[in-house]
Protein backbone atom coordinates (compact mmCIF):
# COMPACT_ATOMS: atom_id res chain seq x y z
CA MET A 1 95.71 145.59 80.35
CA SER A 2 92.88 147.57 78.63
CA GLY A 3 89.58 147.21 79.75
CA ALA A 4 88.15 145.42 76.77
CA GLY A 5 91.10 142.96 77.07
CA ALA A 6 90.37 142.73 80.73
CA THR A 7 86.90 142.00 80.20
CA LYS A 8 87.53 139.32 77.43
CA THR A 9 90.12 137.55 79.61
CA ALA A 10 87.87 137.73 82.70
CA GLU A 11 85.30 135.84 80.47
CA ILE A 12 87.67 132.88 79.19
CA ALA A 13 89.11 132.65 82.71
CA ALA A 14 85.54 132.33 84.36
CA LYS A 15 84.50 129.57 81.44
CA VAL A 16 87.99 127.66 82.05
CA GLU A 17 87.25 127.71 86.04
CA ALA A 18 83.77 126.34 85.42
CA PHE A 19 84.94 123.64 83.01
CA VAL A 20 87.58 122.61 85.50
CA ARG A 21 85.27 122.66 88.42
CA GLU A 22 82.53 120.83 86.96
CA VAL A 23 83.90 118.61 84.05
CA ILE A 24 87.57 117.86 85.26
CA LEU A 25 87.56 117.34 88.82
CA PRO A 26 85.63 113.81 88.74
CA TYR A 27 88.58 112.76 86.57
CA GLU A 28 90.99 113.20 89.53
CA GLN A 29 89.98 109.72 90.61
CA ASP A 30 89.91 107.94 87.15
CA PRO A 31 92.00 104.87 87.42
CA ARG A 32 93.38 105.08 84.06
CA ARG A 33 97.10 105.73 84.90
CA ASP A 34 100.44 104.37 83.83
CA HIS A 35 103.02 102.67 85.91
CA HIS A 36 103.79 105.51 88.06
CA GLY A 37 100.38 107.11 88.34
CA ALA A 38 100.38 109.73 85.70
CA PRO A 39 97.35 109.92 83.63
CA THR A 40 97.38 107.81 80.15
CA ASP A 41 97.02 109.31 76.87
CA GLU A 42 93.43 107.54 76.39
CA LEU A 43 92.48 109.71 79.66
CA VAL A 44 94.07 113.14 78.19
CA ASP A 45 92.34 112.44 75.08
CA GLU A 46 88.92 112.00 76.51
CA MET A 47 89.42 115.19 78.74
CA ARG A 48 90.64 117.21 75.67
CA GLY A 49 87.66 115.87 73.62
CA LEU A 50 85.39 117.68 76.44
CA ALA A 51 87.41 120.73 76.32
CA ARG A 52 87.49 120.77 72.48
CA ALA A 53 83.48 120.50 72.54
CA ALA A 54 83.28 123.16 75.28
CA GLY A 55 85.37 125.54 72.55
CA LEU A 56 88.28 125.85 75.43
CA MET A 57 91.04 124.06 73.79
CA THR A 58 94.30 126.07 74.36
CA PRO A 59 92.50 129.09 75.80
CA HIS A 60 95.41 131.21 76.07
CA VAL A 61 96.23 131.27 72.26
CA LEU A 62 93.77 133.62 70.24
CA PRO A 63 91.86 132.39 67.14
CA ASP A 64 94.39 134.30 64.99
CA GLY A 65 97.30 132.27 66.18
CA GLY A 66 98.58 134.84 68.62
CA HIS A 67 99.27 134.60 72.33
CA MET A 68 97.70 136.57 75.23
CA THR A 69 99.77 138.76 77.08
CA GLN A 70 101.70 137.05 80.00
CA ARG A 71 99.38 139.23 82.46
CA GLU A 72 96.22 137.80 80.65
CA THR A 73 97.75 134.06 80.45
CA ALA A 74 98.31 134.18 84.27
CA ILE A 75 94.83 134.63 84.81
CA VAL A 76 93.83 131.96 82.67
CA LEU A 77 96.29 129.35 83.45
CA GLN A 78 95.77 130.00 87.18
CA LYS A 79 92.22 128.85 86.54
CA SER A 80 93.35 125.78 84.42
CA GLY A 81 95.35 124.66 87.32
CA LEU A 82 92.86 124.41 89.85
CA SER A 83 92.95 120.62 89.13
CA PRO A 84 96.41 119.00 88.07
CA PHE A 85 94.16 117.63 85.20
CA GLY A 86 92.90 120.92 84.16
CA SER A 87 96.04 121.92 82.27
CA LEU A 88 96.20 118.68 80.71
CA ALA A 89 92.70 118.96 79.41
CA LEU A 90 92.87 122.57 78.35
CA ASN A 91 96.25 122.22 76.90
CA THR A 92 98.00 124.60 78.99
CA ASN A 93 100.31 122.07 80.50
CA ALA A 94 104.09 121.68 80.35
CA PRO A 95 106.23 121.04 78.42
CA ASP A 96 103.66 121.64 75.50
CA GLU A 97 102.83 125.30 76.53
CA GLY A 98 106.33 126.43 76.47
CA ASN A 99 107.17 124.42 73.29
CA MET A 100 104.02 126.08 71.52
CA TYR A 101 105.15 129.53 72.75
CA LEU A 102 108.53 129.14 71.39
CA LEU A 103 107.28 127.77 67.88
CA SER A 104 104.67 130.68 67.53
CA LYS A 105 107.78 133.19 68.16
CA VAL A 106 110.52 131.47 65.93
CA GLY A 107 109.19 128.97 63.61
CA SER A 108 108.71 129.07 59.93
CA PRO A 109 105.47 128.97 58.33
CA GLU A 110 106.17 125.51 57.11
CA LEU A 111 107.31 124.33 60.72
CA LYS A 112 104.24 125.93 62.28
CA GLU A 113 101.96 124.15 60.03
CA ARG A 114 103.67 120.88 60.55
CA PHE A 115 104.47 120.72 63.91
CA LEU A 116 102.84 123.86 65.74
CA LYS A 117 99.17 123.26 64.50
CA PRO A 118 98.62 119.75 65.96
CA MET A 119 100.04 120.59 69.11
CA LEU A 120 97.53 123.92 69.27
CA GLU A 121 94.60 121.42 68.33
CA GLY A 122 95.76 119.19 71.36
CA ARG A 123 96.29 116.41 69.10
CA ALA A 124 99.76 116.08 69.55
CA ARG A 125 102.13 116.25 72.93
CA SER A 126 105.77 117.44 72.91
CA ALA A 127 108.90 117.11 74.52
CA PHE A 128 111.92 119.47 75.23
CA PHE A 129 115.22 117.48 74.95
CA MET A 130 117.76 119.71 76.79
CA THR A 131 118.64 118.29 80.38
CA GLU A 132 121.44 115.72 80.20
CA PRO A 133 122.41 112.81 82.75
CA ALA A 134 124.40 114.09 85.67
CA GLY A 135 127.45 112.76 87.00
CA GLU A 136 130.86 111.49 85.22
CA ASN A 137 130.93 115.07 83.94
CA GLY A 138 127.51 115.01 82.57
CA ALA A 139 125.81 118.28 81.83
CA GLY A 140 122.80 117.99 84.13
CA SER A 141 120.80 121.09 84.38
CA ASP A 142 123.84 123.08 83.18
CA PRO A 143 123.12 123.71 79.42
CA SER A 144 126.88 125.13 78.95
CA MET A 145 128.08 121.82 79.73
CA MET A 146 125.96 120.19 77.04
CA LYS A 147 127.61 116.83 75.46
CA THR A 148 125.26 115.92 72.88
CA THR A 149 126.55 116.78 69.56
CA CYS A 150 125.27 117.56 66.03
CA LYS A 151 127.18 117.44 62.77
CA MET A 152 126.49 118.35 59.15
CA ASP A 153 126.25 115.46 56.60
CA GLY A 154 124.96 116.67 53.33
CA ASN A 155 121.57 118.38 53.91
CA HIS A 156 121.10 116.83 57.05
CA TRP A 157 122.22 117.28 60.71
CA VAL A 158 123.27 113.92 62.56
CA ILE A 159 122.75 114.09 66.40
CA ASN A 160 124.17 111.92 68.73
CA GLY A 161 124.00 112.06 72.73
CA ARG A 162 122.24 111.42 75.96
CA LYS A 163 119.25 113.36 77.72
CA ALA A 164 117.58 113.00 81.01
CA PHE A 165 114.26 113.92 82.85
CA ILE A 166 112.63 114.85 79.31
CA THR A 167 109.32 115.01 80.36
CA GLY A 168 106.58 113.63 78.27
CA ALA A 169 108.91 112.14 75.62
CA LEU A 170 107.32 108.87 76.18
CA GLY A 171 104.03 109.17 73.80
CA ALA A 172 105.23 112.57 72.27
CA LYS A 173 104.76 113.31 68.79
CA VAL A 174 106.92 116.49 68.39
CA GLY A 175 110.35 116.96 69.91
CA ILE A 176 112.66 119.97 70.08
CA ILE A 177 116.24 118.72 70.51
CA MET A 178 119.14 120.88 71.81
CA ALA A 179 122.59 119.74 70.63
CA LYS A 180 126.07 121.23 70.24
CA ALA A 181 127.81 122.18 66.93
CA ASP A 182 131.01 123.76 66.30
CA GLU A 183 129.16 127.01 66.13
CA GLY A 184 127.73 126.55 69.16
CA ALA A 185 124.32 125.16 70.59
CA CYS A 186 121.40 124.30 68.04
CA MET A 187 117.77 123.63 68.20
CA PHE A 188 115.96 121.16 66.07
CA LEU A 189 112.34 120.15 65.44
CA VAL A 190 111.63 116.32 64.91
CA ASP A 191 108.96 113.95 64.38
CA LEU A 192 108.46 111.40 67.41
CA PRO A 193 108.83 108.53 67.82
CA ASP A 194 111.90 107.87 65.89
CA PRO A 195 114.11 104.74 66.01
CA ALA A 196 117.02 106.68 66.57
CA ILE A 197 115.61 108.08 69.82
CA ARG A 198 115.63 105.37 72.34
CA ILE A 199 113.78 105.77 75.63
CA GLU A 200 116.05 104.09 77.88
CA HIS A 201 113.97 104.29 81.03
CA VAL A 202 111.20 106.20 82.85
CA PRO A 203 112.36 106.64 86.54
CA ASN A 204 109.32 106.65 89.07
CA THR A 205 109.43 110.04 90.57
CA ILE A 206 107.74 112.08 93.36
CA ASP A 207 105.44 113.91 91.07
CA ASN A 208 102.98 112.21 88.34
CA SER A 209 100.87 114.84 86.94
CA MET A 210 102.63 114.72 83.31
CA PRO A 211 101.79 112.24 80.94
CA GLY A 212 104.97 110.03 80.06
CA GLY A 213 106.78 110.74 82.85
CA HIS A 214 110.23 112.03 82.80
CA SER A 215 112.34 109.98 80.29
CA GLU A 216 116.27 109.06 80.06
CA VAL A 217 117.16 109.07 76.18
CA THR A 218 119.74 107.91 74.03
CA ILE A 219 119.87 109.47 70.74
CA ASP A 220 121.93 107.50 68.08
CA ASN A 221 122.69 108.97 64.80
CA LEU A 222 119.56 110.96 64.54
CA ARG A 223 119.21 112.44 61.10
CA VAL A 224 117.35 115.74 60.75
CA PRO A 225 116.92 117.71 57.75
CA ALA A 226 118.38 121.09 57.63
CA SER A 227 115.39 122.71 57.24
CA GLN A 228 114.14 121.51 60.69
CA MET A 229 116.86 123.53 62.57
CA LEU A 230 115.09 126.56 64.40
CA GLY A 231 117.03 129.72 63.52
CA GLU A 232 120.72 129.51 62.71
CA PRO A 233 123.60 127.27 63.80
CA GLY A 234 124.64 128.74 67.18
CA GLU A 235 121.56 130.30 68.13
CA GLY A 236 120.28 127.53 70.46
CA PHE A 237 120.65 129.01 73.77
CA LYS A 238 119.36 132.51 72.40
CA LEU A 239 116.37 130.64 71.36
CA ALA A 240 116.26 128.86 74.64
CA GLN A 241 115.83 132.09 76.45
CA ILE A 242 112.74 133.07 74.58
CA ARG A 243 111.06 129.64 75.65
CA LEU A 244 112.61 129.62 79.29
CA SER A 245 111.56 132.70 81.13
CA PRO A 246 107.58 132.36 79.82
CA ALA A 247 107.53 128.46 80.52
CA ARG A 248 109.08 128.93 84.15
CA LEU A 249 106.53 131.66 84.85
CA SER A 250 103.49 129.68 83.41
CA HIS A 251 104.69 126.86 85.96
CA CYS A 252 104.13 129.43 88.73
CA MET A 253 100.76 130.17 87.36
CA ARG A 254 99.76 126.74 87.30
CA TRP A 255 100.85 125.55 90.40
CA LEU A 256 99.29 128.75 92.05
CA GLY A 257 95.79 127.32 90.67
CA ALA A 258 96.42 124.09 92.27
CA CYS A 259 97.50 125.35 95.56
CA ILE A 260 94.68 127.73 95.91
CA ARG A 261 92.31 124.68 95.50
CA CYS A 262 94.31 123.05 98.23
CA HIS A 263 93.84 125.84 100.23
CA GLU A 264 89.97 125.81 99.70
CA ILE A 265 90.17 122.08 100.63
CA ALA A 266 91.96 122.57 103.89
CA THR A 267 89.63 125.72 104.88
CA ASP A 268 86.55 123.56 104.32
CA TYR A 269 88.09 120.95 106.62
CA ALA A 270 88.95 123.00 109.21
CA CYS A 271 85.76 124.82 109.15
CA LYS A 272 83.65 121.37 109.69
CA ARG A 273 85.99 119.10 111.83
CA GLU A 274 85.64 119.58 115.41
CA ALA A 275 88.44 118.80 118.09
CA PHE A 276 88.83 119.40 121.57
CA GLY A 277 85.54 121.19 122.02
CA LYS A 278 85.57 123.60 118.63
CA LEU A 279 86.41 123.73 115.21
CA LEU A 280 89.51 123.13 114.25
CA VAL A 281 89.71 126.61 112.23
CA ASP A 282 89.15 128.39 115.97
CA HIS A 283 92.42 126.78 117.25
CA GLU A 284 95.02 129.31 116.91
CA GLY A 285 97.46 126.98 115.55
CA VAL A 286 95.31 125.85 112.83
CA GLY A 287 93.64 129.31 112.00
CA PHE A 288 97.20 131.09 111.59
CA MET A 289 98.26 128.46 109.22
CA LEU A 290 95.29 129.40 107.04
CA ALA A 291 95.99 132.89 107.38
CA GLU A 292 99.85 132.51 106.38
CA ASN A 293 98.41 130.51 103.26
CA MET A 294 96.41 133.60 102.55
CA ILE A 295 99.31 135.84 102.71
CA ASP A 296 101.76 133.41 100.52
CA LEU A 297 99.08 133.06 98.07
CA LYS A 298 98.61 136.65 97.64
CA GLN A 299 102.39 137.42 97.34
CA CYS A 300 102.60 134.59 94.76
CA GLU A 301 99.79 136.13 92.53
CA LEU A 302 101.54 139.70 92.87
CA ILE A 303 105.13 138.55 91.95
CA ILE A 304 103.58 136.50 88.99
CA ASP A 305 101.84 139.73 87.80
CA TRP A 306 104.90 141.52 88.26
CA CYS A 307 107.12 139.39 86.19
CA ALA A 308 104.60 138.81 83.52
CA GLY A 309 104.49 142.50 83.29
CA VAL A 310 108.12 142.76 82.59
CA LEU A 311 107.89 140.14 79.80
CA ASP A 312 105.09 142.05 78.40
CA SER A 313 107.49 145.05 78.12
CA GLY A 314 109.26 142.96 75.63
CA SER A 315 112.30 142.06 77.95
CA LEU A 316 113.44 138.49 78.33
CA GLY A 317 113.02 138.77 82.11
CA THR A 318 115.76 136.42 83.03
CA VAL A 319 116.44 137.71 86.29
CA GLU A 320 112.70 138.49 87.08
CA SER A 321 111.74 135.08 86.20
CA SER A 322 114.37 133.37 88.32
CA MET A 323 113.07 135.82 91.23
CA ALA A 324 109.54 134.66 90.65
CA LYS A 325 110.33 130.89 90.05
CA VAL A 326 112.13 131.14 93.50
CA ALA A 327 109.58 132.92 95.52
CA VAL A 328 106.52 131.16 94.34
CA SER A 329 107.95 127.44 94.52
CA GLU A 330 109.03 127.93 97.79
CA ALA A 331 105.67 130.02 98.97
CA LEU A 332 103.64 127.21 97.29
CA MET A 333 105.73 124.51 99.03
CA ARG A 334 104.68 126.37 102.29
CA VAL A 335 101.20 126.27 101.48
CA ALA A 336 100.79 122.86 100.47
CA ASP A 337 102.66 121.53 103.50
CA ARG A 338 100.23 123.54 105.69
CA CYS A 339 97.44 122.13 103.68
CA VAL A 340 98.55 118.71 104.68
CA GLN A 341 99.16 119.66 108.25
CA VAL A 342 95.68 121.22 108.87
CA MET A 343 94.25 117.98 107.28
CA GLY A 344 96.14 115.83 109.47
CA GLY A 345 95.75 111.89 108.60
CA THR A 346 93.43 112.73 105.75
CA GLY A 347 96.11 115.30 104.12
CA VAL A 348 98.33 112.38 103.45
CA THR A 349 95.90 110.18 101.84
CA ASP A 350 94.52 110.06 98.35
CA LYS A 351 91.09 111.02 99.48
CA THR A 352 91.66 114.58 98.16
CA ILE A 353 94.17 116.21 95.96
CA VAL A 354 96.25 117.73 98.74
CA GLU A 355 98.73 115.12 98.96
CA ARG A 356 99.27 114.96 95.48
CA VAL A 357 99.65 118.60 94.87
CA PHE A 358 102.33 118.41 97.57
CA ARG A 359 104.49 116.18 95.80
CA GLU A 360 103.95 118.22 92.57
CA ILE A 361 105.28 121.31 94.28
CA ARG A 362 108.10 119.43 95.83
CA ALA A 363 109.02 118.43 92.36
CA PHE A 364 108.53 121.96 91.10
CA ARG A 365 111.07 123.29 93.48
CA ILE A 366 113.55 121.41 91.29
CA TYR A 367 112.08 121.72 87.83
CA ASP A 368 112.74 124.44 85.60
CA GLY A 369 115.95 125.15 87.86
CA PRO A 370 116.41 124.39 91.31
CA THR A 371 115.97 127.21 93.67
CA GLU A 372 119.79 127.00 94.62
CA VAL A 373 120.76 127.37 91.06
CA HIS A 374 118.44 130.56 90.44
CA LYS A 375 120.01 131.99 93.78
CA TRP A 376 123.44 131.46 92.60
CA SER A 377 122.37 132.94 89.33
CA LEU A 378 121.12 136.11 91.06
CA ALA A 379 124.01 136.39 93.35
CA LYS A 380 126.16 136.78 90.15
CA LYS A 381 124.08 139.68 89.09
CA ILE A 382 124.47 141.25 92.38
CA LYS A 383 128.02 140.96 92.19
CA ARG A 384 128.02 142.00 88.50
CA ASP A 385 126.08 144.98 89.40
CA TRP A 386 128.25 146.08 92.50
CA LYS A 387 131.46 145.89 90.33
CA ALA A 388 129.75 147.88 87.71
CA ALA A 389 128.80 150.60 90.56
CA GLN A 390 132.63 150.89 91.68
């Protein structure tokens, strides 16, 4: 990162941090939530209005529409993640951040004007329709088993299938749908809502920071103009790879910010609360947990920076982002768990965000690829590399 670029990034990150701490933190106790505790669109729109007024809407996207580098993005998104509501207010949240990144890279000028522009302005939420129901030979999180189909009919594609755990589908205005044609996987942009896309169920989940929850969806004879396909028939998986590694890493960036905040809260608690004749922090069992948090948080910061550098070099970073996703999600789980433990009974209540972040990080170990799937993928690479070396 150049000196001028580093200075500008630091300035933006400082403004983002101040905005989150001073303006957004009070919203964490706002009662406007949906059926399972996620913020309503009314609440999100109100916070985004404040971010827009502060000149901080989508702060990682440059005025000319280009993106910061991944290393620069990491600094800004970490600050936006200091509150679970920070990324929502600033439009750096999933799945929108990843969807905006993809469209900026592969969308035509017409598709960018129609679909990307309102997303960048924070006026439209989006959803990425890839994961399918598991069981009964369903694809689950394995896209190679995709059952959703698309077939040409005149100048339209007709899509049929089922999707599951589609984050933000309820209330979204833009959808990116993955389906399988004879040529292979395809990717389409669609306006939402659409009567051919039925939200069957929005389950209650352990996490609740994302508006709209994680829907189960049926797609029934959805007609999409051929002009709304991204790329060419059969390029769906190739395009998905452009999105998945950066989006996977941006999850790590945001949740690192959240766990830094949890560590601050637990530290403040331990340095004020007395038990058995001395401050909690002076009890070795508590002080050591906070010390271990420091180590894990720094390791997360460093592996995120390393992986971001790989992506900035032009590599897809598939292997590196898998390594980062495993290392960061598991380390942050340890951090969040220690924060709950340090705070005892208070740590499992809603008096602070610690309990909420603990639940979010637990889900993060599964979303964007469970730890075990990434380890399996890495083990396959180890075997391939070994064979190649013989």
